[in-house]
Protein backbone atom coordinates (compact mmCIF):
# COMPACT_ATOMS: atom_id res chain seq x y z
CA MET A 1 25.35 -10.78 27.89
CA ILE A 2 22.07 -12.40 27.61
CA GLN A 3 20.41 -9.12 29.50
CA GLN A 4 22.27 -7.04 26.95
CA HIS A 5 20.84 -9.18 23.99
CA ASN A 6 17.18 -8.87 25.42
CA ARG A 7 17.42 -5.25 25.75
CA SER A 8 18.88 -4.73 22.39
CA LEU A 9 15.98 -7.06 21.04
CA TRP A 10 13.28 -4.96 22.56
CA PHE A 11 14.78 -1.72 21.55
CA GLY A 12 14.92 -3.16 18.06
CA TRP A 13 11.12 -4.01 18.40
CA ALA A 14 10.52 -0.52 19.68
CA VAL A 15 12.47 0.98 16.77
CA CYS A 16 10.20 -1.06 14.14
CA MET A 17 7.01 -0.57 15.71
CA LEU A 18 7.53 3.34 15.42
CA GLY A 19 8.58 2.92 12.00
CA SER A 20 5.36 1.08 11.36
CA LEU A 21 3.54 4.03 12.68
CA PHE A 22 4.83 6.13 9.88
CA TYR A 23 3.50 3.43 7.20
CA CYS A 24 0.00 3.49 9.11
CA TYR A 25 0.18 7.22 8.55
CA GLU A 26 0.93 7.29 5.11
CA TYR A 27 -1.53 4.59 4.36
CA LEU A 28 -4.32 6.84 5.85
CA LEU A 29 -3.12 9.79 3.72
CA ARG A 30 -3.20 7.60 0.67
CA ILE A 31 -6.88 6.73 0.68
CA GLU A 32 -8.03 10.04 1.30
CA PRO A 33 -9.64 10.87 -1.78
CA SER A 34 -11.74 7.89 -1.90
CA LEU A 35 -13.81 9.16 0.80
CA MET A 36 -14.07 12.79 -0.50
CA ILE A 37 -15.04 11.70 -3.93
CA GLN A 38 -18.21 13.80 -4.08
CA GLN A 39 -16.73 16.85 -2.30
CA LEU A 40 -13.71 16.97 -4.54
CA GLU A 41 -15.77 16.30 -7.79
CA GLN A 42 -17.87 19.23 -6.92
CA PHE A 43 -15.26 21.37 -5.45
CA TYR A 44 -12.91 21.43 -8.34
CA GLY A 45 -15.51 20.35 -11.02
CA ILE A 46 -14.09 17.35 -12.13
CA SER A 47 -15.31 13.89 -13.54
CA ALA A 48 -14.66 10.48 -12.25
CA SER A 49 -11.16 10.18 -14.52
CA GLY A 50 -10.17 13.68 -13.30
CA LEU A 51 -10.52 12.24 -9.78
CA GLY A 52 -8.55 9.32 -10.80
CA ILE A 53 -5.99 11.27 -12.19
CA LEU A 54 -5.74 13.74 -8.95
CA SER A 55 -5.56 10.43 -6.62
CA ALA A 56 -2.83 9.24 -8.96
CA TYR A 57 -0.75 12.31 -8.44
CA TYR A 58 0.36 10.30 -5.12
CA TYR A 59 1.69 7.35 -6.97
CA TRP A 60 3.14 9.57 -9.82
CA ALA A 61 5.79 10.65 -7.14
CA TYR A 62 5.54 7.30 -5.05
CA THR A 63 6.25 4.99 -7.74
CA PRO A 64 9.31 6.14 -9.56
CA MET A 65 10.86 7.32 -6.16
CA GLN A 66 11.24 3.66 -5.56
CA LEU A 67 14.30 3.43 -8.04
CA VAL A 68 16.16 5.70 -5.68
CA VAL A 69 14.47 5.13 -2.26
CA GLY A 70 16.18 1.62 -1.52
CA PRO A 71 19.65 2.80 -2.48
CA VAL A 72 19.18 6.00 -0.43
CA ILE A 73 17.81 4.26 2.82
CA ASP A 74 20.85 1.79 2.18
CA TYR A 75 23.55 4.34 1.89
CA PHE A 76 22.18 7.12 4.50
CA GLY A 77 20.20 4.72 6.93
CA PRO A 78 16.51 5.04 7.71
CA ARG A 79 16.62 7.33 10.38
CA ARG A 80 17.35 10.71 8.57
CA VAL A 81 15.52 9.55 5.44
CA MET A 82 12.11 8.68 7.11
CA THR A 83 12.44 11.83 9.38
CA LEU A 84 12.30 13.91 6.40
CA ALA A 85 9.57 11.80 4.70
CA VAL A 86 7.24 12.17 7.48
CA LEU A 87 7.71 15.98 7.26
CA CYS A 88 7.17 15.93 3.79
CA CYS A 89 4.01 13.99 4.02
CA ALA A 90 2.63 16.31 6.83
CA VAL A 91 3.33 19.44 4.69
CA GLY A 92 1.85 17.74 1.43
CA SER A 93 -1.35 16.95 3.41
CA PHE A 94 -1.66 20.59 4.66
CA ILE A 95 -1.37 21.92 0.87
CA PHE A 96 -3.90 19.38 -0.33
CA GLY A 97 -6.24 20.54 2.28
CA VAL A 98 -5.71 24.31 1.89
CA SER A 99 -5.61 24.35 -1.76
CA ASN A 100 -8.17 26.01 -4.15
CA THR A 101 -7.07 25.04 -7.30
CA ILE A 102 -6.55 21.45 -8.85
CA VAL A 103 -2.96 22.26 -9.47
CA TRP A 104 -2.19 23.04 -6.00
CA ALA A 105 -4.09 20.26 -4.87
CA SER A 106 -2.40 17.71 -7.45
CA PHE A 107 0.98 19.02 -6.02
CA GLY A 108 0.30 18.35 -2.23
CA ARG A 109 -0.93 14.90 -3.41
CA PHE A 110 2.66 14.55 -5.22
CA LEU A 111 4.34 15.50 -1.85
CA ILE A 112 2.55 13.24 0.24
CA GLY A 113 3.18 10.31 -2.30
CA PHE A 114 7.12 11.58 -2.55
CA GLY A 115 7.44 11.22 1.43
CA SER A 116 5.46 8.16 1.61
CA ALA A 117 7.59 6.40 -0.79
CA PHE A 118 10.01 5.95 2.06
CA ALA A 119 7.81 4.48 4.53
CA PHE A 120 7.28 0.80 3.83
CA VAL A 121 10.78 0.24 2.59
CA GLY A 122 12.03 2.20 5.54
CA VAL A 123 10.30 -0.04 7.99
CA LEU A 124 11.50 -3.28 6.40
CA LYS A 125 14.79 -1.88 6.55
CA LEU A 126 14.70 -1.40 10.32
CA ALA A 127 13.57 -5.04 10.63
CA ALA A 128 16.41 -6.59 8.50
CA ILE A 129 18.66 -4.57 10.72
CA TRP A 130 17.00 -5.07 14.30
CA LEU A 131 14.99 -8.18 13.90
CA PRO A 132 16.28 -11.96 13.64
CA ALA A 133 15.89 -13.31 10.21
CA ARG A 134 13.11 -15.95 11.57
CA HIS A 135 10.73 -12.84 12.27
CA PHE A 136 11.24 -10.91 8.98
CA ALA A 137 8.28 -12.14 7.05
CA PHE A 138 5.73 -11.96 9.98
CA PHE A 139 7.07 -8.19 10.54
CA ALA A 140 6.32 -7.67 7.02
CA GLY A 141 2.94 -8.77 7.44
CA PHE A 142 2.50 -6.85 10.67
CA THR A 143 3.44 -3.83 8.99
CA THR A 144 1.01 -4.25 6.29
CA ALA A 145 -1.69 -4.95 8.99
CA LEU A 146 -0.78 -1.77 10.73
CA GLY A 147 -1.26 -0.01 7.16
CA MET A 148 -4.78 -1.78 7.23
CA VAL A 149 -5.45 -0.11 10.48
CA GLY A 150 -4.80 3.29 9.12
CA ALA A 151 -7.14 2.56 6.05
CA MET A 152 -9.71 1.20 8.37
CA ALA A 153 -9.53 4.33 10.49
CA GLY A 154 -9.65 6.43 7.50
CA ASN A 155 -12.70 4.34 6.21
CA LEU A 156 -14.68 4.76 9.46
CA GLY A 157 -13.24 7.66 11.61
CA MET A 158 -12.23 9.88 8.95
CA MET A 159 -15.68 9.83 7.23
CA ALA A 160 -17.40 10.64 10.56
CA LEU A 161 -14.83 13.23 10.73
CA ILE A 162 -15.57 15.04 7.22
CA GLU A 163 -19.45 14.77 8.08
CA SER A 164 -18.94 16.60 11.46
CA VAL A 165 -16.33 19.06 10.73
CA GLY A 166 -15.95 19.22 6.82
CA TRP A 167 -13.29 17.71 4.41
CA GLN A 168 -10.69 20.36 4.26
CA GLU A 169 -10.56 20.62 8.22
CA THR A 170 -10.26 16.68 8.20
CA ILE A 171 -7.25 16.87 6.28
CA TYR A 172 -5.56 19.74 8.54
CA TYR A 173 -6.24 17.41 11.61
CA PHE A 174 -4.10 14.59 9.95
CA SER A 175 -1.70 17.14 8.75
CA LEU A 176 -1.12 17.80 12.49
CA LEU A 177 -0.54 13.77 13.18
CA GLY A 178 2.48 13.99 10.82
CA ALA A 179 4.05 17.04 12.35
CA LEU A 180 3.95 15.03 15.77
CA LEU A 181 5.22 11.82 14.55
CA THR A 182 8.36 13.43 12.99
CA PRO A 183 10.18 14.54 15.99
CA LEU A 184 9.34 10.83 17.40
CA ILE A 185 11.06 9.32 14.58
CA TRP A 186 14.22 11.34 14.76
CA LEU A 187 14.61 10.85 18.58
CA VAL A 188 13.89 6.89 18.93
CA VAL A 189 14.90 5.38 15.26
CA ARG A 190 18.52 4.37 15.09
CA ASP A 191 20.11 3.08 12.19
CA HIS A 192 22.14 0.08 13.74
CA HIS A 193 22.51 -1.63 16.82
CA SER A 194 25.38 0.50 18.19
CA SER A 195 23.32 3.36 17.89
CA THR A 196 22.00 2.85 21.23
CA ALA A 197 24.82 4.18 22.72
CA GLY A 198 24.55 7.31 20.65
CA GLY A 199 26.62 6.52 17.25
CA ASP A 200 24.35 6.76 13.99
CA ASP A 201 27.14 7.24 11.20
CA HIS A 202 26.24 4.02 9.26
CA ARG A 203 25.94 3.04 5.65
CA ASP A 204 25.73 -0.17 3.85
CA PHE A 205 27.37 0.83 0.57
CA GLU A 206 30.98 1.78 0.69
CA SER A 207 30.66 4.23 -2.24
CA MET A 208 27.93 5.68 -4.47
CA SER A 209 29.33 3.58 -7.48
CA SER A 210 28.69 0.51 -4.96
CA MET A 211 25.40 1.44 -4.55
CA ILE A 212 24.52 1.86 -8.24
CA GLY A 213 26.08 -1.21 -8.89
CA GLY A 214 24.10 -3.15 -6.41
CA PHE A 215 20.91 -1.61 -7.79
CA LYS A 216 21.87 -2.70 -11.46
CA GLN A 217 22.23 -6.22 -10.16
CA ILE A 218 18.53 -6.16 -8.73
CA ILE A 219 16.97 -5.07 -11.85
CA GLY A 220 18.99 -7.38 -13.84
CA ASN A 221 17.21 -10.46 -11.61
CA GLY A 222 14.37 -11.67 -13.45
CA GLN A 223 12.87 -13.21 -10.34
CA MET A 224 12.91 -9.69 -8.94
CA TRP A 225 10.63 -8.55 -12.07
CA LEU A 226 8.17 -11.41 -11.60
CA SER A 227 7.92 -10.95 -7.85
CA GLY A 228 7.25 -7.53 -8.31
CA PHE A 229 4.33 -7.97 -11.18
CA ILE A 230 2.71 -10.78 -9.06
CA GLY A 231 2.78 -8.32 -6.04
CA MET A 232 1.53 -5.46 -8.19
CA ILE A 233 -1.80 -7.60 -9.34
CA LEU A 234 -2.53 -8.74 -5.91
CA PHE A 235 -2.50 -5.32 -4.44
CA PHE A 236 -5.07 -4.41 -6.95
CA SER A 237 -7.75 -5.60 -4.33
CA LEU A 238 -6.52 -2.54 -2.35
CA SER A 239 -5.20 0.16 -4.69
CA VAL A 240 -7.73 -0.05 -7.39
CA PHE A 241 -10.86 -1.22 -5.43
CA ALA A 242 -10.67 -0.63 -1.70
CA GLU A 243 -8.62 2.59 -1.76
CA MET A 244 -10.24 4.29 -4.72
CA TRP A 245 -13.34 2.98 -6.52
CA GLY A 246 -14.83 0.27 -3.98
CA ILE A 247 -17.35 2.77 -2.37
CA GLN A 248 -18.64 3.90 -5.71
CA TYR A 249 -18.93 0.26 -7.07
CA LEU A 250 -20.76 -0.85 -3.97
CA GLY A 251 -22.89 2.04 -3.79
CA HIS A 252 -24.37 1.24 -7.18
CA LEU A 253 -24.58 -2.46 -6.63
CA TYR A 254 -26.67 -1.75 -3.55
CA PRO A 255 -28.59 1.38 -4.18
CA GLY A 256 -30.77 0.74 -1.17
CA ALA A 257 -28.12 0.46 1.43
CA THR A 258 -27.04 3.47 3.29
CA GLU A 259 -23.31 5.36 3.07
CA SER A 260 -22.30 4.03 6.47
CA GLN A 261 -23.08 0.36 5.36
CA ILE A 262 -21.32 0.63 1.97
CA VAL A 263 -18.31 2.10 3.54
CA SER A 264 -18.53 -0.84 6.23
CA ALA A 265 -18.52 -3.23 3.55
CA ASN A 266 -15.60 -1.71 1.57
CA THR A 267 -13.57 -1.55 4.85
CA MET A 268 -13.82 -5.18 4.76
CA VAL A 269 -11.07 -5.60 2.32
CA PHE A 270 -8.70 -3.67 4.50
CA ALA A 271 -9.65 -5.90 7.46
CA GLY A 272 -9.01 -8.80 5.34
CA TRP A 273 -5.47 -7.69 4.60
CA LEU A 274 -5.28 -6.79 8.60
CA VAL A 275 -5.62 -10.53 9.17
CA GLY A 276 -4.18 -11.83 6.34
CA ALA A 277 -1.06 -10.46 5.94
CA PRO A 278 0.58 -11.49 9.33
CA PHE A 279 -1.03 -14.74 8.98
CA ALA A 280 0.69 -15.06 5.37
CA GLY A 281 3.99 -14.23 7.02
CA TRP A 282 3.50 -16.66 9.98
CA VAL A 283 2.56 -19.51 7.49
CA SER A 284 5.32 -18.94 5.19
CA ASP A 285 7.90 -18.66 7.98
CA ALA A 286 6.29 -22.05 9.33
CA LEU A 287 6.29 -23.73 6.14
CA LYS A 288 10.12 -22.24 4.97
CA SER A 289 7.85 -21.61 1.54
CA ARG A 290 7.19 -18.18 -0.06
CA LYS A 291 6.02 -19.68 -3.58
CA LEU A 292 3.11 -22.07 -2.34
CA PRO A 293 1.51 -19.65 -0.34
CA LEU A 294 1.32 -17.13 -3.29
CA VAL A 295 -0.10 -19.86 -5.72
CA ILE A 296 -2.99 -20.42 -3.49
CA GLY A 297 -3.63 -17.02 -2.30
CA SER A 298 -3.62 -15.75 -6.04
CA THR A 299 -5.81 -18.62 -7.10
CA LEU A 300 -8.26 -18.21 -4.42
CA ALA A 301 -8.13 -14.40 -5.07
CA PHE A 302 -8.99 -14.87 -8.73
CA GLY A 303 -12.20 -16.82 -7.65
CA LEU A 304 -13.28 -14.48 -5.33
CA SER A 305 -13.05 -11.54 -7.51
CA LEU A 306 -15.41 -13.19 -9.80
CA VAL A 307 -17.81 -13.30 -7.02
CA VAL A 308 -17.37 -9.76 -6.13
CA PHE A 309 -17.84 -8.32 -9.77
CA PHE A 310 -20.16 -11.00 -11.72
CA LEU A 311 -22.14 -12.77 -9.37
CA PRO A 312 -25.84 -11.27 -9.34
CA GLY A 313 -27.97 -11.49 -6.22
CA VAL A 314 -25.33 -11.51 -3.60
CA SER A 315 -26.72 -9.86 -0.38
CA LEU A 316 -24.78 -6.91 1.31
CA ASP A 317 -23.86 -9.48 4.32
CA LEU A 318 -22.48 -12.26 2.18
CA MET A 319 -20.38 -9.62 0.32
CA ARG A 320 -19.09 -8.31 3.44
CA PHE A 321 -17.56 -11.92 4.11
CA VAL A 322 -16.57 -12.23 0.60
CA LEU A 323 -14.64 -8.85 0.34
CA LEU A 324 -12.91 -9.93 4.00
CA MET A 325 -11.79 -13.24 2.17
CA PHE A 326 -10.74 -11.32 -0.86
CA GLY A 327 -8.73 -9.14 1.18
CA PHE A 328 -7.51 -11.75 3.27
CA VAL A 329 -6.11 -14.22 0.45
CA SER A 330 -4.72 -11.07 -1.51
CA ALA A 331 -2.68 -10.40 1.60
CA VAL A 332 -0.27 -13.21 0.56
CA GLN A 333 1.22 -10.61 -1.51
CA ILE A 334 3.58 -9.68 1.19
CA ASN A 335 5.53 -12.66 0.39
CA CYS A 336 6.75 -11.02 -2.62
CA PHE A 337 8.75 -8.57 -0.55
CA VAL A 338 10.39 -11.44 1.35
CA LEU A 339 11.05 -13.15 -1.89
CA GLY A 340 12.94 -10.10 -2.79
CA ARG A 341 14.84 -9.72 0.57
CA GLU A 342 16.05 -13.23 0.46
CA ASN A 343 17.00 -13.33 -3.44
CA CYS A 344 19.69 -10.76 -2.84
CA PRO A 345 22.63 -9.98 -0.55
CA GLU A 346 21.70 -8.67 2.94
CA TYR A 347 23.33 -5.15 2.40
CA MET A 348 21.02 -4.40 -0.73
CA SER A 349 17.71 -5.48 0.99
CA ALA A 350 16.31 -2.21 1.08
CA SER A 351 16.99 -1.85 -2.56
CA ALA A 352 15.49 -5.19 -3.28
CA ILE A 353 12.21 -4.17 -1.26
CA ALA A 354 12.00 -0.82 -2.87
CA PHE A 355 12.37 -2.15 -6.32
CA ILE A 356 9.60 -4.56 -5.84
CA ASN A 357 7.60 -1.80 -4.15
CA MET A 358 7.82 0.22 -7.13
CA CYS A 359 6.49 -2.75 -9.19
CA VAL A 360 3.48 -2.61 -6.84
CA MET A 361 2.89 0.85 -6.85
CA ILE A 362 2.27 0.83 -10.54
CA SER A 363 -1.10 -0.45 -9.70
CA GLY A 364 -2.24 2.88 -8.55
CA LEU A 365 -0.27 5.14 -10.70
CA ALA A 366 -1.76 3.19 -13.92
CA PHE A 367 -4.84 1.56 -12.79
CA GLN A 368 -6.77 4.06 -10.83
CA PRO A 369 -6.88 6.64 -13.46
CA LEU A 370 -7.65 3.65 -16.26
CA VAL A 371 -10.57 2.25 -14.48
CA GLY A 372 -12.01 6.03 -14.03
CA ILE A 373 -11.47 6.38 -18.11
CA LEU A 374 -12.96 3.27 -18.58
CA VAL A 375 -15.94 4.19 -16.75
CA ASP A 376 -16.22 7.74 -18.22
CA MET A 377 -16.01 6.23 -21.67
CA SER A 378 -18.80 3.68 -21.10
CA GLN A 379 -21.13 6.30 -19.70
CA GLN A 380 -20.29 8.55 -22.79
CA TRP A 381 -20.75 5.49 -25.13
CA ARG A 382 -24.39 4.79 -23.79
CA GLU A 383 -25.24 8.66 -23.61
CA GLY A 384 -27.79 8.12 -26.64
CA VAL A 385 -28.72 4.77 -25.70
CA ALA A 386 -29.67 4.74 -21.99
CA HIS A 387 -30.76 7.40 -19.56
CA ALA A 388 -27.45 8.78 -17.80
CA GLY A 389 -28.99 8.35 -14.28
CA ASP A 390 -30.07 5.02 -14.68
CA GLN A 391 -28.72 3.11 -11.77
CA PHE A 392 -28.19 -0.31 -13.51
CA ASN A 393 -26.43 1.14 -16.34
CA GLN A 394 -24.08 2.97 -14.04
CA LEU A 395 -23.22 -0.26 -12.17
CA VAL A 396 -22.32 -1.91 -15.45
CA ASP A 397 -20.13 0.99 -16.15
CA TYR A 398 -18.03 0.36 -13.02
CA GLN A 399 -18.14 -3.40 -13.92
CA ILE A 400 -16.69 -2.86 -17.37
CA GLY A 401 -13.73 -0.69 -15.48
CA LEU A 402 -13.19 -2.95 -12.46
CA ALA A 403 -13.06 -6.00 -14.87
CA LEU A 404 -9.59 -5.33 -15.08
CA ILE A 405 -8.92 -6.98 -11.49
CA PRO A 406 -10.08 -10.41 -12.38
CA ILE A 407 -8.19 -10.29 -15.89
CA ALA A 408 -5.29 -9.50 -14.11
CA LEU A 409 -5.63 -12.01 -11.34
CA ALA A 410 -5.98 -14.93 -13.79
CA ILE A 411 -2.49 -13.61 -15.03
CA CYS A 412 -1.18 -13.84 -11.66
CA VAL A 413 -2.06 -17.23 -11.10
CA ILE A 414 -0.14 -18.48 -14.03
CA LEU A 415 3.13 -16.42 -13.30
CA SER A 416 3.02 -17.55 -9.56
CA PHE A 417 4.15 -21.00 -10.72
CA CYS A 418 7.02 -19.49 -12.09
CA LEU A 419 8.58 -18.31 -9.05
CA LYS A 420 11.62 -19.62 -7.75
CA GLU A 421 11.25 -20.74 -4.03
CA SER A 422 13.86 -19.36 -1.63
CA TYR A 423 12.90 -21.67 1.18
CA GLY A 424 13.05 -18.89 4.04
CA LYS A 425 16.76 -18.66 3.45
CA GLY A 426 18.50 -15.51 3.72
CA GLY A 427 18.75 -12.51 5.94
CA ILE A 428 20.51 -11.51 8.77
CA GLU A 429 22.29 -13.81 11.27
CA GLU A 430 21.07 -13.83 15.02
């Protein structure tokens, strides 16, 4: 009996780890445009605002899909859904790489966002099914950390590959990765414990009407909205800064630095999340508190954002450390998902996680293009006042756009005090 339990637990970890690889893969695809800014602007003849809109097509699919992703996974189970989702990401990536027009490139990004919408929610659903409740917060952090591995591989490895073979060929290679991951998901992932024996017909909801009723219960919960809004703001360090505008901003802040130095500095935000997410989950589980880490983390993130954007004379080496810590403390955001899961019945876990994830992803959908628009507006405003190529003035343009981050984090600090503590209760029984 004990051996059977151990085998089931080990198999559960294997299932969850494979699901996490999907999240790692989709995160790599998510950040592609930030590494190809100059190439994409030149190839399609677009400005900063146009590039922000192109990148945001990912979020235009990803974000509204969260309204249905959770209920769909709860209803059909993660295996079928995640297999199709990985395939959709691979196809979308290929279309993005092969396209010669902005319309087809946008469609490719849209497909990537559509498939990616199922990744994080699907992984946490697998964790809710297969892992003991005491490991859920840690695994949520660990999954986020794997996403950061994908981001760091993109920032460093993809940049080198772009310089070696070109940006379109690089996209083709990463499309192939998705094509290889698709059959692995289908062959290994199972929807519930008895699936190890072959069965896989599993639904958490008895009917479609009960699924809709459960989701209505979630969107009527004010704490869900609060957790989602706080999670969205803390995610700005990634979605708005590191994933999109960080390399451009740092390039203007340190005009004498090489491209590799700038990319390395930007990668520190991902490295901070890589370490901070599992650490935040571990601390949260140890303290049996979700609220306290969020209060402390959002306060520190606000303070560090002021250093990143408005403290003059910071050396590049010190900025690397500041960005590392900025990512580290922002990673406490994973507790927002844990709060969502613990504030609803187990059978609605994917729906709750998806709802909060929808709120979080509004950060990319709305604020990536908004920063680009503000940068363009600032540049246009001073056309008759200062030389358009002046490095200092271009830095100010980005500071104006990215000032959204510390403003939002100040609001986040206040809202974090309004959260209702769950004390680590809820989840599956061991």
